[in-house]
Amino acid sequence: MTHIVPAFDAERCAQFLAGTEGAPPRAQLMQAFAMWRGEAAAKGGRALDLGCGPGREVIELLRAGFEVVAIDPYPEMLKRTRELVANDATLAAAPKLTLIEATLEQFAASIAPSSFDLIHAGFILPFVQREHFASAWSHLSAGLKPQCSFVGQFFGADDEFIRQAAEGTMTSHTAAEVRALLHDFDILTHDEVNRAGHIGRGQPKWWHVHHVIATKR
């Protein structure tokens, strides 16, 4: 099976890896963990990490006690994740980790309803092709159990990648459209940024991003 992400080619993948080498896990996932501290109900269960990249968030999910299903279309990303987990001394027991080589478009239909306790979509949803976004999001939303959390990002129309993308190869959303997608969620945080920045510590880029943490009702 071919795994193609039209707006995230090999060159962009290399830029991402170079710019984020040694970076910490995504702030929104760690913020979600901080929100859960002190809750009566212990977190854990089954987590889905979409576009897992080199595995920084996978490690944190495993440390938090989740069984993790991680997908990425790039074998190099899955290789790095596998090696990162294998070399982590804090994971004393054999980690419960499943790695799947696929795009979200290819994987989404296989998600069973109410099968995950957490879905982390770190900068992956904007790269879903527009014609497939509604279906992919429907499967994702249905796959999350009630009272469980989604953590992820959507791009706005001003994002440099969106502006440069070929027609239909990426998907952007306004703030109102993000809220509409999350109509059956309680939105805990929705931070919209529209500013100049960098890809990690690498190449300059204009970012227009909606950072979201939300709990399904």
Protein backbone atom coordinates (compact mmCIF):
# COMPACT_ATOMS: atom_id res chain seq x y z
CA MET A 1 0.00 0.00 0.00
CA THR A 2 1.25 3.48 -0.86
CA HIS A 3 1.32 6.04 1.95
CA ILE A 4 1.18 9.51 0.43
CA VAL A 5 0.73 12.82 2.24
CA PRO A 6 0.78 15.28 -0.68
CA ALA A 7 1.48 18.37 1.44
CA PHE A 8 4.18 16.69 3.57
CA ASP A 9 6.73 15.38 1.12
CA ALA A 10 10.21 14.05 1.86
CA GLU A 11 11.76 17.53 1.87
CA ARG A 12 9.23 18.88 4.36
CA CYS A 13 9.65 15.75 6.46
CA ALA A 14 13.41 16.33 6.58
CA GLN A 15 12.89 19.99 7.56
CA PHE A 16 10.60 18.90 10.37
CA LEU A 17 13.08 16.36 11.73
CA ALA A 18 15.99 18.82 11.52
CA GLY A 19 14.02 21.64 13.16
CA THR A 20 12.63 19.55 16.01
CA GLU A 21 15.64 17.36 16.86
CA GLY A 22 15.84 17.12 20.65
CA ALA A 23 12.61 19.06 21.17
CA PRO A 24 10.34 18.28 24.15
CA PRO A 25 6.92 16.64 23.73
CA ARG A 26 4.14 18.89 22.44
CA ALA A 27 3.04 21.45 25.00
CA GLN A 28 -0.68 20.78 24.57
CA LEU A 29 -0.35 17.11 25.51
CA MET A 30 1.66 18.00 28.61
CA GLN A 31 -0.90 20.70 29.44
CA ALA A 32 -3.65 18.07 29.23
CA PHE A 33 -1.71 15.81 31.58
CA ALA A 34 -1.38 18.71 34.03
CA MET A 35 -5.14 19.32 33.90
CA TRP A 36 -5.77 15.71 34.88
CA ARG A 37 -3.55 15.76 37.96
CA GLY A 38 -5.53 15.39 41.15
CA GLU A 39 -8.64 14.04 39.46
CA ALA A 40 -10.33 11.17 41.25
CA ALA A 41 -10.47 9.07 38.10
CA ALA A 42 -7.03 7.88 37.11
CA LYS A 43 -6.06 8.45 33.53
CA GLY A 44 -4.79 5.64 31.38
CA GLY A 45 -6.49 3.20 29.09
CA ARG A 46 -5.98 3.23 25.35
CA ALA A 47 -4.49 6.19 23.46
CA LEU A 48 -4.23 6.94 19.73
CA ASP A 49 -1.30 9.07 18.59
CA LEU A 50 -1.87 10.29 15.03
CA GLY A 51 1.22 11.21 13.04
CA CYS A 52 3.48 10.06 15.87
CA GLY A 53 6.66 11.40 14.24
CA PRO A 54 9.85 10.39 16.08
CA GLY A 55 7.91 9.31 19.18
CA ARG A 56 8.26 12.09 21.75
CA GLU A 57 4.57 12.00 22.63
CA VAL A 58 4.40 8.19 22.45
CA ILE A 59 6.96 8.02 25.27
CA GLU A 60 4.89 10.38 27.45
CA LEU A 61 1.69 8.43 26.80
CA LEU A 62 3.39 5.16 27.74
CA ARG A 63 4.82 6.72 30.89
CA ALA A 64 1.33 7.89 31.81
CA GLY A 65 0.09 4.31 31.68
CA PHE A 66 -1.64 4.28 28.32
CA GLU A 67 -1.66 1.42 25.87
CA VAL A 68 -0.69 3.28 22.68
CA VAL A 69 -1.62 2.85 19.05
CA ALA A 70 0.65 5.14 17.01
CA ILE A 71 0.33 5.74 13.28
CA ASP A 72 2.56 7.51 10.79
CA PRO A 73 2.92 7.17 7.02
CA TYR A 74 6.72 7.37 7.13
CA PRO A 75 8.76 4.24 8.01
CA GLU A 76 11.59 6.45 9.30
CA MET A 77 9.25 7.99 11.89
CA LEU A 78 8.09 4.59 13.09
CA LYS A 79 11.70 3.37 13.24
CA ARG A 80 12.68 6.34 15.40
CA THR A 81 9.68 5.81 17.66
CA ARG A 82 10.50 2.12 18.08
CA GLU A 83 14.12 2.92 18.95
CA LEU A 84 13.18 5.72 21.34
CA VAL A 85 10.84 3.42 23.26
CA ALA A 86 13.31 0.52 23.27
CA ASN A 87 16.04 2.75 24.74
CA ASP A 88 13.91 4.41 27.43
CA ALA A 89 14.96 3.10 30.83
CA THR A 90 11.89 4.58 32.54
CA LEU A 91 9.68 2.00 30.81
CA ALA A 92 10.51 -0.98 33.01
CA ALA A 93 7.91 -3.36 31.62
CA ALA A 94 7.43 -4.20 27.97
CA PRO A 95 5.43 -1.23 26.64
CA LYS A 96 1.99 -1.81 25.16
CA LEU A 97 2.65 -0.17 21.82
CA THR A 98 1.27 -0.84 18.35
CA LEU A 99 2.90 0.97 15.42
CA ILE A 100 0.98 1.27 12.15
CA GLU A 101 2.31 2.63 8.85
CA ALA A 102 -0.60 4.55 7.32
CA THR A 103 -2.03 7.96 6.60
CA LEU A 104 -4.99 9.09 8.66
CA GLU A 105 -7.20 8.80 5.58
CA GLN A 106 -6.23 5.13 5.27
CA PHE A 107 -6.52 4.37 8.98
CA ALA A 108 -9.63 6.29 10.04
CA ALA A 109 -12.29 3.84 8.85
CA SER A 110 -10.75 1.07 10.97
CA ILE A 111 -11.33 2.96 14.23
CA ALA A 112 -14.02 1.19 16.24
CA PRO A 113 -16.58 3.36 18.05
CA SER A 114 -15.64 4.29 21.64
CA SER A 115 -12.32 2.45 21.43
CA PHE A 116 -9.95 5.15 22.74
CA ASP A 117 -9.57 7.04 26.02
CA LEU A 118 -7.38 9.73 24.46
CA ILE A 119 -6.72 10.89 20.91
CA HIS A 120 -3.64 13.03 20.27
CA ALA A 121 -3.48 14.62 16.80
CA GLY A 122 -0.28 16.66 16.87
CA PHE A 123 -0.29 18.87 13.75
CA ILE A 124 -1.66 16.04 11.60
CA LEU A 125 -5.27 17.01 10.84
CA PRO A 126 -4.38 19.92 8.50
CA PHE A 127 -2.57 17.46 6.23
CA VAL A 128 -5.71 15.39 5.64
CA GLN A 129 -6.89 16.03 2.10
CA ARG A 130 -10.00 18.20 2.05
CA GLU A 131 -12.26 15.65 0.37
CA HIS A 132 -11.48 13.09 3.09
CA PHE A 133 -11.54 15.36 6.15
CA ALA A 134 -15.22 15.05 7.11
CA SER A 135 -15.10 11.26 7.01
CA ALA A 136 -11.80 11.06 8.90
CA TRP A 137 -13.01 13.44 11.61
CA SER A 138 -16.30 11.54 11.97
CA HIS A 139 -14.42 8.28 12.59
CA LEU A 140 -12.04 9.97 15.03
CA SER A 141 -14.79 11.60 17.02
CA ALA A 142 -16.82 8.40 17.18
CA GLY A 143 -13.72 6.46 18.25
CA LEU A 144 -13.32 8.50 21.45
CA LYS A 145 -15.17 7.32 24.56
CA PRO A 146 -17.48 9.75 26.39
CA GLN A 147 -15.73 11.85 29.05
CA CYS A 148 -12.40 11.27 27.30
CA SER A 149 -10.10 13.77 25.66
CA PHE A 150 -8.96 15.03 22.27
CA VAL A 151 -5.70 17.00 22.09
CA GLY A 152 -4.58 18.44 18.77
CA GLN A 153 -4.25 21.21 16.24
CA PHE A 154 -6.15 22.61 13.28
CA PHE A 155 -4.67 25.16 10.85
CA GLY A 156 -6.21 28.49 9.93
CA ALA A 157 -6.27 29.93 6.41
CA ASP A 158 -3.26 32.23 7.01
CA ASP A 159 -0.88 29.37 7.77
CA GLU A 160 2.06 29.33 5.34
CA PHE A 161 1.65 25.64 4.56
CA ILE A 162 -2.04 26.17 3.76
CA ARG A 163 -1.28 29.12 1.49
CA GLN A 164 1.41 27.16 -0.37
CA ALA A 165 -0.53 23.89 -0.66
CA ALA A 166 -1.95 22.61 -3.92
CA GLU A 167 -5.73 22.82 -4.10
CA GLY A 168 -7.41 20.22 -1.91
CA THR A 169 -4.24 18.74 -0.42
CA MET A 170 -4.69 20.38 3.01
CA THR A 171 -7.60 21.45 5.20
CA SER A 172 -7.94 24.70 7.15
CA HIS A 173 -10.59 25.91 9.61
CA THR A 174 -11.82 29.16 11.10
CA ALA A 175 -12.34 29.38 14.85
CA ALA A 176 -16.09 28.98 14.31
CA GLU A 177 -15.52 25.89 12.19
CA VAL A 178 -13.32 24.35 14.88
CA ARG A 179 -16.07 24.93 17.44
CA ALA A 180 -18.59 23.35 15.06
CA LEU A 181 -16.41 20.24 14.67
CA LEU A 182 -16.33 20.00 18.47
CA HIS A 183 -20.07 20.46 18.93
CA ASP A 184 -20.34 17.35 21.12
CA PHE A 185 -17.22 18.21 23.16
CA ASP A 186 -16.59 20.50 26.09
CA ILE A 187 -13.72 22.71 24.90
CA LEU A 188 -11.23 23.13 27.73
CA THR A 189 -8.75 25.25 25.79
CA HIS A 190 -8.83 26.77 22.31
CA ASP A 191 -5.81 28.95 21.64
CA GLU A 192 -5.55 30.53 18.20
CA VAL A 193 -2.14 31.84 17.12
CA ASN A 194 -1.45 33.74 13.90
CA ARG A 195 2.16 34.86 13.81
CA ALA A 196 5.65 34.40 12.47
CA GLY A 197 7.68 31.55 13.94
CA HIS A 198 9.83 28.59 13.03
CA ILE A 199 9.49 24.87 12.39
CA GLY A 200 10.79 23.89 15.80
CA ARG A 201 14.13 25.64 16.01
CA GLY A 202 14.64 25.42 12.24
CA GLN A 203 13.22 27.08 9.16
CA PRO A 204 11.12 30.28 9.51
CA LYS A 205 7.38 29.84 8.93
CA TRP A 206 4.13 31.76 9.38
CA TRP A 207 1.85 29.83 11.73
CA HIS A 208 -1.93 30.06 11.94
CA VAL A 209 -2.93 27.33 14.36
CA HIS A 210 -5.83 26.40 16.61
CA HIS A 211 -4.49 24.50 19.65
CA VAL A 212 -7.32 22.51 21.23
CA ILE A 213 -7.91 20.38 24.31
CA ALA A 214 -11.49 19.10 24.55
CA THR A 215 -13.48 16.41 26.37
CA LYS A 216 -16.21 14.44 24.64
CA ARG A 217 -19.59 14.63 26.34
